Amino acid sequence: HFGTRFEDTASVTLVAGLALTACTWMS
C-alpha cells in the first residue's frame, strides 16, 4: 500500500507491529 491512499494506515500498522515485536523481546 506504499504510495496508495491507504499508505497512512499501512504505515501505522507496520510501525505498531515492529514496536510490538520489540516489546516481546524486552519482556
mmCIF file of all heavy atoms, coordinates in Angstrom:
data_MODEL
# 
_entry.id   MODEL 
# 
loop_
_atom_site.group_PDB 
_atom_site.id 
_atom_site.type_symbol 
_atom_site.label_atom_id 
_atom_site.label_alt_id 
_atom_site.label_comp_id 
_atom_site.label_asym_id 
_atom_site.label_entity_id 
_atom_site.label_seq_id 
_atom_site.pdbx_PDB_ins_code 
_atom_site.Cartn_x 
_atom_site.Cartn_y 
_atom_site.Cartn_z 
_atom_site.occupancy 
_atom_site.B_iso_or_equiv 
_atom_site.pdbx_formal_charge 
_atom_site.auth_seq_id 
_atom_site.auth_comp_id 
_atom_site.auth_asym_id 
_atom_site.auth_atom_id 
_atom_site.pdbx_PDB_model_num 
ATOM 1   N N   . HIS A 1 1  ? 0.815   -1.213  0.000  1.00 0.00 ? 1  HIS A N   1 
ATOM 2   C CA  . HIS A 1 1  ? 0.000   0.000   0.000  1.00 0.00 ? 1  HIS A CA  1 
ATOM 3   C C   . HIS A 1 1  ? 0.847   1.260   0.000  1.00 0.00 ? 1  HIS A C   1 
ATOM 4   O O   . HIS A 1 1  ? 0.324   2.362   0.167  1.00 0.00 ? 1  HIS A O   1 
ATOM 5   C CB  . HIS A 1 1  ? -0.949  -0.003  1.202  1.00 0.00 ? 1  HIS A CB  1 
ATOM 6   C CG  . HIS A 1 1  ? -2.004  -1.058  1.103  1.00 0.00 ? 1  HIS A CG  1 
ATOM 7   N ND1 . HIS A 1 1  ? -1.857  -2.316  1.653  1.00 0.00 ? 1  HIS A ND1 1 
ATOM 8   C CD2 . HIS A 1 1  ? -3.214  -1.059  0.489  1.00 0.00 ? 1  HIS A CD2 1 
ATOM 9   C CE1 . HIS A 1 1  ? -2.929  -3.043  1.396  1.00 0.00 ? 1  HIS A CE1 1 
ATOM 10  N NE2 . HIS A 1 1  ? -3.766  -2.306  0.685  1.00 0.00 ? 1  HIS A NE2 1 
ATOM 11  N N   . PHE A 1 2  ? 2.158   1.087   -0.181 1.00 0.00 ? 2  PHE A N   1 
ATOM 12  C CA  . PHE A 1 2  ? 3.046   2.239   -0.295 1.00 0.00 ? 2  PHE A CA  1 
ATOM 13  C C   . PHE A 1 2  ? 2.673   3.054   -1.540 1.00 0.00 ? 2  PHE A C   1 
ATOM 14  O O   . PHE A 1 2  ? 2.544   2.517   -2.638 1.00 0.00 ? 2  PHE A O   1 
ATOM 15  C CB  . PHE A 1 2  ? 4.500   1.763   -0.409 1.00 0.00 ? 2  PHE A CB  1 
ATOM 16  C CG  . PHE A 1 2  ? 5.504   2.870   -0.557 1.00 0.00 ? 2  PHE A CG  1 
ATOM 17  C CD1 . PHE A 1 2  ? 5.903   3.609   0.540  1.00 0.00 ? 2  PHE A CD1 1 
ATOM 18  C CD2 . PHE A 1 2  ? 6.041   3.175   -1.797 1.00 0.00 ? 2  PHE A CD2 1 
ATOM 19  C CE1 . PHE A 1 2  ? 6.824   4.626   0.410  1.00 0.00 ? 2  PHE A CE1 1 
ATOM 20  C CE2 . PHE A 1 2  ? 6.969   4.187   -1.944 1.00 0.00 ? 2  PHE A CE2 1 
ATOM 21  C CZ  . PHE A 1 2  ? 7.358   4.923   -0.836 1.00 0.00 ? 2  PHE A CZ  1 
ATOM 22  N N   . GLY A 1 3  ? 2.464   4.360   -1.345 1.00 0.00 ? 3  GLY A N   1 
ATOM 23  C CA  . GLY A 1 3  ? 2.111   5.217   -2.483 1.00 0.00 ? 3  GLY A CA  1 
ATOM 24  C C   . GLY A 1 3  ? 0.646   5.198   -2.842 1.00 0.00 ? 3  GLY A C   1 
ATOM 25  O O   . GLY A 1 3  ? 0.257   5.830   -3.825 1.00 0.00 ? 3  GLY A O   1 
ATOM 26  N N   . THR A 1 4  ? -0.188  4.495   -2.056 1.00 0.00 ? 4  THR A N   1 
ATOM 27  C CA  . THR A 1 4  ? -1.627  4.467   -2.318 1.00 0.00 ? 4  THR A CA  1 
ATOM 28  C C   . THR A 1 4  ? -2.344  5.299   -1.261 1.00 0.00 ? 4  THR A C   1 
ATOM 29  O O   . THR A 1 4  ? -1.744  5.808   -0.312 1.00 0.00 ? 4  THR A O   1 
ATOM 30  C CB  . THR A 1 4  ? -2.171  3.029   -2.294 1.00 0.00 ? 4  THR A CB  1 
ATOM 31  O OG1 . THR A 1 4  ? -2.209  2.567   -0.920 1.00 0.00 ? 4  THR A OG1 1 
ATOM 32  C CG2 . THR A 1 4  ? -1.275  2.092   -3.098 1.00 0.00 ? 4  THR A CG2 1 
ATOM 33  N N   . ARG A 1 5  ? -3.652  5.399   -1.390 1.00 0.00 ? 5  ARG A N   1 
ATOM 34  C CA  . ARG A 1 5  ? -4.414  6.179   -0.418 1.00 0.00 ? 5  ARG A CA  1 
ATOM 35  C C   . ARG A 1 5  ? -4.498  5.489   0.943  1.00 0.00 ? 5  ARG A C   1 
ATOM 36  O O   . ARG A 1 5  ? -4.946  6.086   1.923  1.00 0.00 ? 5  ARG A O   1 
ATOM 37  C CB  . ARG A 1 5  ? -5.819  6.469   -0.960 1.00 0.00 ? 5  ARG A CB  1 
ATOM 38  C CG  . ARG A 1 5  ? -6.675  5.231   -1.216 1.00 0.00 ? 5  ARG A CG  1 
ATOM 39  C CD  . ARG A 1 5  ? -7.916  5.617   -2.004 1.00 0.00 ? 5  ARG A CD  1 
ATOM 40  N NE  . ARG A 1 5  ? -8.770  4.489   -2.299 1.00 0.00 ? 5  ARG A NE  1 
ATOM 41  C CZ  . ARG A 1 5  ? -9.809  4.119   -1.541 1.00 0.00 ? 5  ARG A CZ  1 
ATOM 42  N NH1 . ARG A 1 5  ? -10.102 4.801   -0.441 1.00 0.00 ? 5  ARG A NH1 1 
ATOM 43  N NH2 . ARG A 1 5  ? -10.559 3.083   -1.886 1.00 0.00 ? 5  ARG A NH2 1 
ATOM 44  N N   . PHE A 1 6  ? -4.068  4.233   0.997  1.00 0.00 ? 6  PHE A N   1 
ATOM 45  C CA  . PHE A 1 6  ? -4.079  3.505   2.265  1.00 0.00 ? 6  PHE A CA  1 
ATOM 46  C C   . PHE A 1 6  ? -2.717  3.499   2.958  1.00 0.00 ? 6  PHE A C   1 
ATOM 47  O O   . PHE A 1 6  ? -2.530  2.820   3.961  1.00 0.00 ? 6  PHE A O   1 
ATOM 48  C CB  . PHE A 1 6  ? -4.516  2.049   2.023  1.00 0.00 ? 6  PHE A CB  1 
ATOM 49  C CG  . PHE A 1 6  ? -5.889  1.917   1.420  1.00 0.00 ? 6  PHE A CG  1 
ATOM 50  C CD1 . PHE A 1 6  ? -6.039  1.407   0.146  1.00 0.00 ? 6  PHE A CD1 1 
ATOM 51  C CD2 . PHE A 1 6  ? -7.004  2.310   2.133  1.00 0.00 ? 6  PHE A CD2 1 
ATOM 52  C CE1 . PHE A 1 6  ? -7.294  1.282   -0.428 1.00 0.00 ? 6  PHE A CE1 1 
ATOM 53  C CE2 . PHE A 1 6  ? -8.275  2.194   1.576  1.00 0.00 ? 6  PHE A CE2 1 
ATOM 54  C CZ  . PHE A 1 6  ? -8.425  1.676   0.286  1.00 0.00 ? 6  PHE A CZ  1 
ATOM 55  N N   . GLU A 1 7  ? -1.769  4.269   2.414  1.00 0.00 ? 7  GLU A N   1 
ATOM 56  C CA  . GLU A 1 7  ? -0.417  4.229   2.968  1.00 0.00 ? 7  GLU A CA  1 
ATOM 57  C C   . GLU A 1 7  ? -0.369  4.661   4.431  1.00 0.00 ? 7  GLU A C   1 
ATOM 58  O O   . GLU A 1 7  ? 0.387   4.089   5.226  1.00 0.00 ? 7  GLU A O   1 
ATOM 59  C CB  . GLU A 1 7  ? 0.529   5.107   2.144  1.00 0.00 ? 7  GLU A CB  1 
ATOM 60  C CG  . GLU A 1 7  ? 1.966   5.051   2.664  1.00 0.00 ? 7  GLU A CG  1 
ATOM 61  C CD  . GLU A 1 7  ? 2.920   5.930   1.888  1.00 0.00 ? 7  GLU A CD  1 
ATOM 62  O OE1 . GLU A 1 7  ? 2.557   6.386   0.772  1.00 0.00 ? 7  GLU A OE1 1 
ATOM 63  O OE2 . GLU A 1 7  ? 4.048   6.170   2.384  1.00 0.00 ? 7  GLU A OE2 1 
ATOM 64  N N   . ASP A 1 8  ? -1.164  5.649   4.810  1.00 0.00 ? 8  ASP A N   1 
ATOM 65  C CA  . ASP A 1 8  ? -1.126  6.130   6.196  1.00 0.00 ? 8  ASP A CA  1 
ATOM 66  C C   . ASP A 1 8  ? -1.472  5.008   7.172  1.00 0.00 ? 8  ASP A C   1 
ATOM 67  O O   . ASP A 1 8  ? -0.766  4.779   8.160  1.00 0.00 ? 8  ASP A O   1 
ATOM 68  C CB  . ASP A 1 8  ? -2.100  7.294   6.381  1.00 0.00 ? 8  ASP A CB  1 
ATOM 69  C CG  . ASP A 1 8  ? -1.657  8.544   5.633  1.00 0.00 ? 8  ASP A CG  1 
ATOM 70  O OD1 . ASP A 1 8  ? -0.612  8.484   4.952  1.00 0.00 ? 8  ASP A OD1 1 
ATOM 71  O OD2 . ASP A 1 8  ? -2.359  9.568   5.720  1.00 0.00 ? 8  ASP A OD2 1 
ATOM 72  N N   . THR A 1 9  ? -2.562  4.291   6.893  1.00 0.00 ? 9  THR A N   1 
ATOM 73  C CA  . THR A 1 9  ? -2.969  3.185   7.767  1.00 0.00 ? 9  THR A CA  1 
ATOM 74  C C   . THR A 1 9  ? -1.939  2.068   7.742  1.00 0.00 ? 9  THR A C   1 
ATOM 75  O O   . THR A 1 9  ? -1.610  1.486   8.781  1.00 0.00 ? 9  THR A O   1 
ATOM 76  C CB  . THR A 1 9  ? -4.335  2.631   7.319  1.00 0.00 ? 9  THR A CB  1 
ATOM 77  O OG1 . THR A 1 9  ? -5.309  3.675   7.375  1.00 0.00 ? 9  THR A OG1 1 
ATOM 78  C CG2 . THR A 1 9  ? -4.774  1.482   8.208  1.00 0.00 ? 9  THR A CG2 1 
ATOM 79  N N   . ALA A 1 10 ? -1.406  1.784   6.560  1.00 0.00 ? 10 ALA A N   1 
ATOM 80  C CA  . ALA A 1 10 ? -0.395  0.731   6.438  1.00 0.00 ? 10 ALA A CA  1 
ATOM 81  C C   . ALA A 1 10 ? 0.867   1.088   7.204  1.00 0.00 ? 10 ALA A C   1 
ATOM 82  O O   . ALA A 1 10 ? 1.505   0.216   7.812  1.00 0.00 ? 10 ALA A O   1 
ATOM 83  C CB  . ALA A 1 10 ? -0.067  0.494   4.968  1.00 0.00 ? 10 ALA A CB  1 
ATOM 84  N N   . SER A 1 11 ? 1.234   2.364   7.221  1.00 0.00 ? 11 SER A N   1 
ATOM 85  C CA  . SER A 1 11 ? 2.433   2.793   7.942  1.00 0.00 ? 11 SER A CA  1 
ATOM 86  C C   . SER A 1 11 ? 2.275   2.601   9.440  1.00 0.00 ? 11 SER A C   1 
ATOM 87  O O   . SER A 1 11 ? 3.182   2.107   10.116 1.00 0.00 ? 11 SER A O   1 
ATOM 88  C CB  . SER A 1 11 ? 2.727   4.266   7.634  1.00 0.00 ? 11 SER A CB  1 
ATOM 89  O OG  . SER A 1 11 ? 3.011   4.454   6.266  1.00 0.00 ? 11 SER A OG  1 
ATOM 90  N N   . VAL A 1 12 ? 1.128   2.975   9.968  1.00 0.00 ? 12 VAL A N   1 
ATOM 91  C CA  . VAL A 1 12 ? 0.875   2.784   11.407 1.00 0.00 ? 12 VAL A CA  1 
ATOM 92  C C   . VAL A 1 12 ? 0.863   1.299   11.742 1.00 0.00 ? 12 VAL A C   1 
ATOM 93  O O   . VAL A 1 12 ? 1.373   0.872   12.781 1.00 0.00 ? 12 VAL A O   1 
ATOM 94  C CB  . VAL A 1 12 ? -0.456  3.448   11.819 1.00 0.00 ? 12 VAL A CB  1 
ATOM 95  C CG1 . VAL A 1 12 ? -0.777  3.143   13.276 1.00 0.00 ? 12 VAL A CG1 1 
ATOM 96  C CG2 . VAL A 1 12 ? -0.389  4.952   11.601 1.00 0.00 ? 12 VAL A CG2 1 
ATOM 97  N N   . THR A 1 13 ? 0.297   0.491   10.838 1.00 0.00 ? 13 THR A N   1 
ATOM 98  C CA  . THR A 1 13 ? 0.280   -0.961  11.048 1.00 0.00 ? 13 THR A CA  1 
ATOM 99  C C   . THR A 1 13 ? 1.694   -1.514  11.134 1.00 0.00 ? 13 THR A C   1 
ATOM 100 O O   . THR A 1 13 ? 2.011   -2.319  12.021 1.00 0.00 ? 13 THR A O   1 
ATOM 101 C CB  . THR A 1 13 ? -0.478  -1.653  9.901  1.00 0.00 ? 13 THR A CB  1 
ATOM 102 O OG1 . THR A 1 13 ? -1.816  -1.159  9.848  1.00 0.00 ? 13 THR A OG1 1 
ATOM 103 C CG2 . THR A 1 13 ? -0.500  -3.168  10.102 1.00 0.00 ? 13 THR A CG2 1 
ATOM 104 N N   . LEU A 1 14 ? 2.556   -1.071  10.232 1.00 0.00 ? 14 LEU A N   1 
ATOM 105 C CA  . LEU A 1 14 ? 3.941   -1.550  10.238 1.00 0.00 ? 14 LEU A CA  1 
ATOM 106 C C   . LEU A 1 14 ? 4.678   -1.107  11.492 1.00 0.00 ? 14 LEU A C   1 
ATOM 107 O O   . LEU A 1 14 ? 5.324   -1.925  12.167 1.00 0.00 ? 14 LEU A O   1 
ATOM 108 C CB  . LEU A 1 14 ? 4.673   -1.020  9.000  1.00 0.00 ? 14 LEU A CB  1 
ATOM 109 C CG  . LEU A 1 14 ? 6.188   -1.259  8.959  1.00 0.00 ? 14 LEU A CG  1 
ATOM 110 C CD1 . LEU A 1 14 ? 6.526   -2.742  9.075  1.00 0.00 ? 14 LEU A CD1 1 
ATOM 111 C CD2 . LEU A 1 14 ? 6.787   -0.667  7.692  1.00 0.00 ? 14 LEU A CD2 1 
ATOM 112 N N   . VAL A 1 15 ? 4.592   0.166   11.823 1.00 0.00 ? 15 VAL A N   1 
ATOM 113 C CA  . VAL A 1 15 ? 5.316   0.685   12.981 1.00 0.00 ? 15 VAL A CA  1 
ATOM 114 C C   . VAL A 1 15 ? 4.814   0.029   14.274 1.00 0.00 ? 15 VAL A C   1 
ATOM 115 O O   . VAL A 1 15 ? 5.608   -0.342  15.140 1.00 0.00 ? 15 VAL A O   1 
ATOM 116 C CB  . VAL A 1 15 ? 5.174   2.218   13.051 1.00 0.00 ? 15 VAL A CB  1 
ATOM 117 C CG1 . VAL A 1 15 ? 5.764   2.757   14.348 1.00 0.00 ? 15 VAL A CG1 1 
ATOM 118 C CG2 . VAL A 1 15 ? 5.860   2.862   11.856 1.00 0.00 ? 15 VAL A CG2 1 
ATOM 119 N N   . ALA A 1 16 ? 3.509   -0.137  14.395 1.00 0.00 ? 16 ALA A N   1 
ATOM 120 C CA  . ALA A 1 16 ? 2.954   -0.778  15.584 1.00 0.00 ? 16 ALA A CA  1 
ATOM 121 C C   . ALA A 1 16 ? 3.398   -2.233  15.674 1.00 0.00 ? 16 ALA A C   1 
ATOM 122 O O   . ALA A 1 16 ? 3.698   -2.738  16.764 1.00 0.00 ? 16 ALA A O   1 
ATOM 123 C CB  . ALA A 1 16 ? 1.431   -0.686  15.571 1.00 0.00 ? 16 ALA A CB  1 
ATOM 124 N N   . GLY A 1 17 ? 3.444   -2.913  14.519 1.00 0.00 ? 17 GLY A N   1 
ATOM 125 C CA  . GLY A 1 17 ? 3.886   -4.306  14.520 1.00 0.00 ? 17 GLY A CA  1 
ATOM 126 C C   . GLY A 1 17 ? 5.331   -4.447  14.962 1.00 0.00 ? 17 GLY A C   1 
ATOM 127 O O   . GLY A 1 17 ? 5.666   -5.340  15.752 1.00 0.00 ? 17 GLY A O   1 
ATOM 128 N N   . LEU A 1 18 ? 6.202   -3.565  14.474 1.00 0.00 ? 18 LEU A N   1 
ATOM 129 C CA  . LEU A 1 18 ? 7.606   -3.624  14.874 1.00 0.00 ? 18 LEU A CA  1 
ATOM 130 C C   . LEU A 1 18 ? 7.781   -3.260  16.346 1.00 0.00 ? 18 LEU A C   1 
ATOM 131 O O   . LEU A 1 18 ? 8.618   -3.839  17.043 1.00 0.00 ? 18 LEU A O   1 
ATOM 132 C CB  . LEU A 1 18 ? 8.432   -2.683  13.989 1.00 0.00 ? 18 LEU A CB  1 
ATOM 133 C CG  . LEU A 1 18 ? 8.521   -3.060  12.505 1.00 0.00 ? 18 LEU A CG  1 
ATOM 134 C CD1 . LEU A 1 18 ? 9.372   -2.035  11.751 1.00 0.00 ? 18 LEU A CD1 1 
ATOM 135 C CD2 . LEU A 1 18 ? 9.106   -4.462  12.326 1.00 0.00 ? 18 LEU A CD2 1 
ATOM 136 N N   . ALA A 1 19 ? 6.989   -2.307  16.829 1.00 0.00 ? 19 ALA A N   1 
ATOM 137 C CA  . ALA A 1 19 ? 7.061   -1.940  18.244 1.00 0.00 ? 19 ALA A CA  1 
ATOM 138 C C   . ALA A 1 19 ? 6.615   -3.098  19.123 1.00 0.00 ? 19 ALA A C   1 
ATOM 139 O O   . ALA A 1 19 ? 7.206   -3.358  20.191 1.00 0.00 ? 19 ALA A O   1 
ATOM 140 C CB  . ALA A 1 19 ? 6.197   -0.708  18.512 1.00 0.00 ? 19 ALA A CB  1 
ATOM 141 N N   . LEU A 1 20 ? 5.589   -3.810  18.691 1.00 0.00 ? 20 LEU A N   1 
ATOM 142 C CA  . LEU A 1 20 ? 5.111   -4.956  19.462 1.00 0.00 ? 20 LEU A CA  1 
ATOM 143 C C   . LEU A 1 20 ? 6.179   -6.045  19.539 1.00 0.00 ? 20 LEU A C   1 
ATOM 144 O O   . LEU A 1 20 ? 6.394   -6.641  20.603 1.00 0.00 ? 20 LEU A O   1 
ATOM 145 C CB  . LEU A 1 20 ? 3.837   -5.519  18.822 1.00 0.00 ? 20 LEU A CB  1 
ATOM 146 C CG  . LEU A 1 20 ? 3.228   -6.743  19.512 1.00 0.00 ? 20 LEU A CG  1 
ATOM 147 C CD1 . LEU A 1 20 ? 2.829   -6.398  20.942 1.00 0.00 ? 20 LEU A CD1 1 
ATOM 148 C CD2 . LEU A 1 20 ? 2.019   -7.250  18.728 1.00 0.00 ? 20 LEU A CD2 1 
ATOM 149 N N   . THR A 1 21 ? 6.858   -6.290  18.430 1.00 0.00 ? 21 THR A N   1 
ATOM 150 C CA  . THR A 1 21 ? 7.935   -7.283  18.432 1.00 0.00 ? 21 THR A CA  1 
ATOM 151 C C   . THR A 1 21 ? 9.044   -6.865  19.400 1.00 0.00 ? 21 THR A C   1 
ATOM 152 O O   . THR A 1 21 ? 9.565   -7.685  20.154 1.00 0.00 ? 21 THR A O   1 
ATOM 153 C CB  . THR A 1 21 ? 8.515   -7.461  17.020 1.00 0.00 ? 21 THR A CB  1 
ATOM 154 O OG1 . THR A 1 21 ? 7.466   -7.827  16.125 1.00 0.00 ? 21 THR A OG1 1 
ATOM 155 C CG2 . THR A 1 21 ? 9.580   -8.552  17.001 1.00 0.00 ? 21 THR A CG2 1 
ATOM 156 N N   . ALA A 1 22 ? 9.398   -5.587  19.386 1.00 0.00 ? 22 ALA A N   1 
ATOM 157 C CA  . ALA A 1 22 ? 10.416  -5.085  20.308 1.00 0.00 ? 22 ALA A CA  1 
ATOM 158 C C   . ALA A 1 22 ? 9.982   -5.261  21.759 1.00 0.00 ? 22 ALA A C   1 
ATOM 159 O O   . ALA A 1 22 ? 10.799  -5.598  22.625 1.00 0.00 ? 22 ALA A O   1 
ATOM 160 C CB  . ALA A 1 22 ? 10.694  -3.608  20.015 1.00 0.00 ? 22 ALA A CB  1 
ATOM 161 N N   . CYS A 1 23 ? 8.697   -5.069  22.032 1.00 0.00 ? 23 CYS A N   1 
ATOM 162 C CA  . CYS A 1 23 ? 8.197   -5.223  23.405 1.00 0.00 ? 23 CYS A CA  1 
ATOM 163 C C   . CYS A 1 23 ? 8.278   -6.674  23.861 1.00 0.00 ? 23 CYS A C   1 
ATOM 164 O O   . CYS A 1 23 ? 8.568   -6.950  25.033 1.00 0.00 ? 23 CYS A O   1 
ATOM 165 C CB  . CYS A 1 23 ? 6.759   -4.717  23.493 1.00 0.00 ? 23 CYS A CB  1 
ATOM 166 S SG  . CYS A 1 23 ? 6.610   -2.908  23.416 1.00 0.00 ? 23 CYS A SG  1 
ATOM 167 N N   . THR A 1 24 ? 8.023   -7.620  22.960 1.00 0.00 ? 24 THR A N   1 
ATOM 168 C CA  . THR A 1 24 ? 8.134   -9.030  23.359 1.00 0.00 ? 24 THR A CA  1 
ATOM 169 C C   . THR A 1 24 ? 9.591   -9.398  23.635 1.00 0.00 ? 24 THR A C   1 
ATOM 170 O O   . THR A 1 24 ? 9.876   -10.195 24.529 1.00 0.00 ? 24 THR A O   1 
ATOM 171 C CB  . THR A 1 24 ? 7.560   -9.964  22.275 1.00 0.00 ? 24 THR A CB  1 
ATOM 172 O OG1 . THR A 1 24 ? 8.303   -9.825  21.056 1.00 0.00 ? 24 THR A OG1 1 
ATOM 173 C CG2 . THR A 1 24 ? 6.089   -9.651  22.016 1.00 0.00 ? 24 THR A CG2 1 
ATOM 174 N N   . TRP A 1 25 ? 10.513  -8.805  22.867 1.00 0.00 ? 25 TRP A N   1 
ATOM 175 C CA  . TRP A 1 25 ? 11.937  -9.027  23.143 1.00 0.00 ? 25 TRP A CA  1 
ATOM 176 C C   . TRP A 1 25 ? 12.300  -8.483  24.524 1.00 0.00 ? 25 TRP A C   1 
ATOM 177 O O   . TRP A 1 25 ? 13.000  -9.120  25.294 1.00 0.00 ? 25 TRP A O   1 
ATOM 178 C CB  . TRP A 1 25 ? 12.779  -8.367  22.062 1.00 0.00 ? 25 TRP A CB  1 
ATOM 179 C CG  . TRP A 1 25 ? 14.252  -8.399  22.349 1.00 0.00 ? 25 TRP A CG  1 
ATOM 180 C CD1 . TRP A 1 25 ? 14.996  -7.443  22.991 1.00 0.00 ? 25 TRP A CD1 1 
ATOM 181 C CD2 . TRP A 1 25 ? 15.156  -9.476  22.063 1.00 0.00 ? 25 TRP A CD2 1 
ATOM 182 N NE1 . TRP A 1 25 ? 16.308  -7.844  23.104 1.00 0.00 ? 25 TRP A NE1 1 
ATOM 183 C CE2 . TRP A 1 25 ? 16.428  -9.096  22.539 1.00 0.00 ? 25 TRP A CE2 1 
ATOM 184 C CE3 . TRP A 1 25 ? 15.008  -10.713 21.440 1.00 0.00 ? 25 TRP A CE3 1 
ATOM 185 C CZ2 . TRP A 1 25 ? 17.549  -9.907  22.419 1.00 0.00 ? 25 TRP A CZ2 1 
ATOM 186 C CZ3 . TRP A 1 25 ? 16.127  -11.519 21.315 1.00 0.00 ? 25 TRP A CZ3 1 
ATOM 187 C CH2 . TRP A 1 25 ? 17.382  -11.124 21.803 1.00 0.00 ? 25 TRP A CH2 1 
ATOM 188 N N   . MET A 1 26 ? 11.805  -7.281  24.838 1.00 0.00 ? 26 MET A N   1 
ATOM 189 C CA  . MET A 1 26 ? 12.114  -6.670  26.129 1.00 0.00 ? 26 MET A CA  1 
ATOM 190 C C   . MET A 1 26 ? 11.490  -7.439  27.281 1.00 0.00 ? 26 MET A C   1 
ATOM 191 O O   . MET A 1 26 ? 12.043  -7.464  28.392 1.00 0.00 ? 26 MET A O   1 
ATOM 192 C CB  . MET A 1 26 ? 11.624  -5.218  26.162 1.00 0.00 ? 26 MET A CB  1 
ATOM 193 C CG  . MET A 1 26 ? 12.460  -4.257  25.319 1.00 0.00 ? 26 MET A CG  1 
ATOM 194 S SD  . MET A 1 26 ? 14.235  -4.292  25.721 1.00 0.00 ? 26 MET A SD  1 
ATOM 195 C CE  . MET A 1 26 ? 14.230  -3.774  27.433 1.00 0.00 ? 26 MET A CE  1 
ATOM 196 N N   . SER A 1 27 ? 10.342  -8.076  27.042 1.00 0.00 ? 27 SER A N   1 
ATOM 197 C CA  . SER A 1 27 ? 9.732   -8.871  28.113 1.00 0.00 ? 27 SER A CA  1 
ATOM 198 C C   . SER A 1 27 ? 10.644  -10.027 28.499 1.00 0.00 ? 27 SER A C   1 
ATOM 199 O O   . SER A 1 27 ? 10.805  -10.339 29.685 1.00 0.00 ? 27 SER A O   1 
ATOM 200 C CB  . SER A 1 27 ? 8.353   -9.388  27.682 1.00 0.00 ? 27 SER A CB  1 
ATOM 201 O OG  . SER A 1 27 ? 8.459   -10.390 26.672 1.00 0.00 ? 27 SER A OG  1 
# 
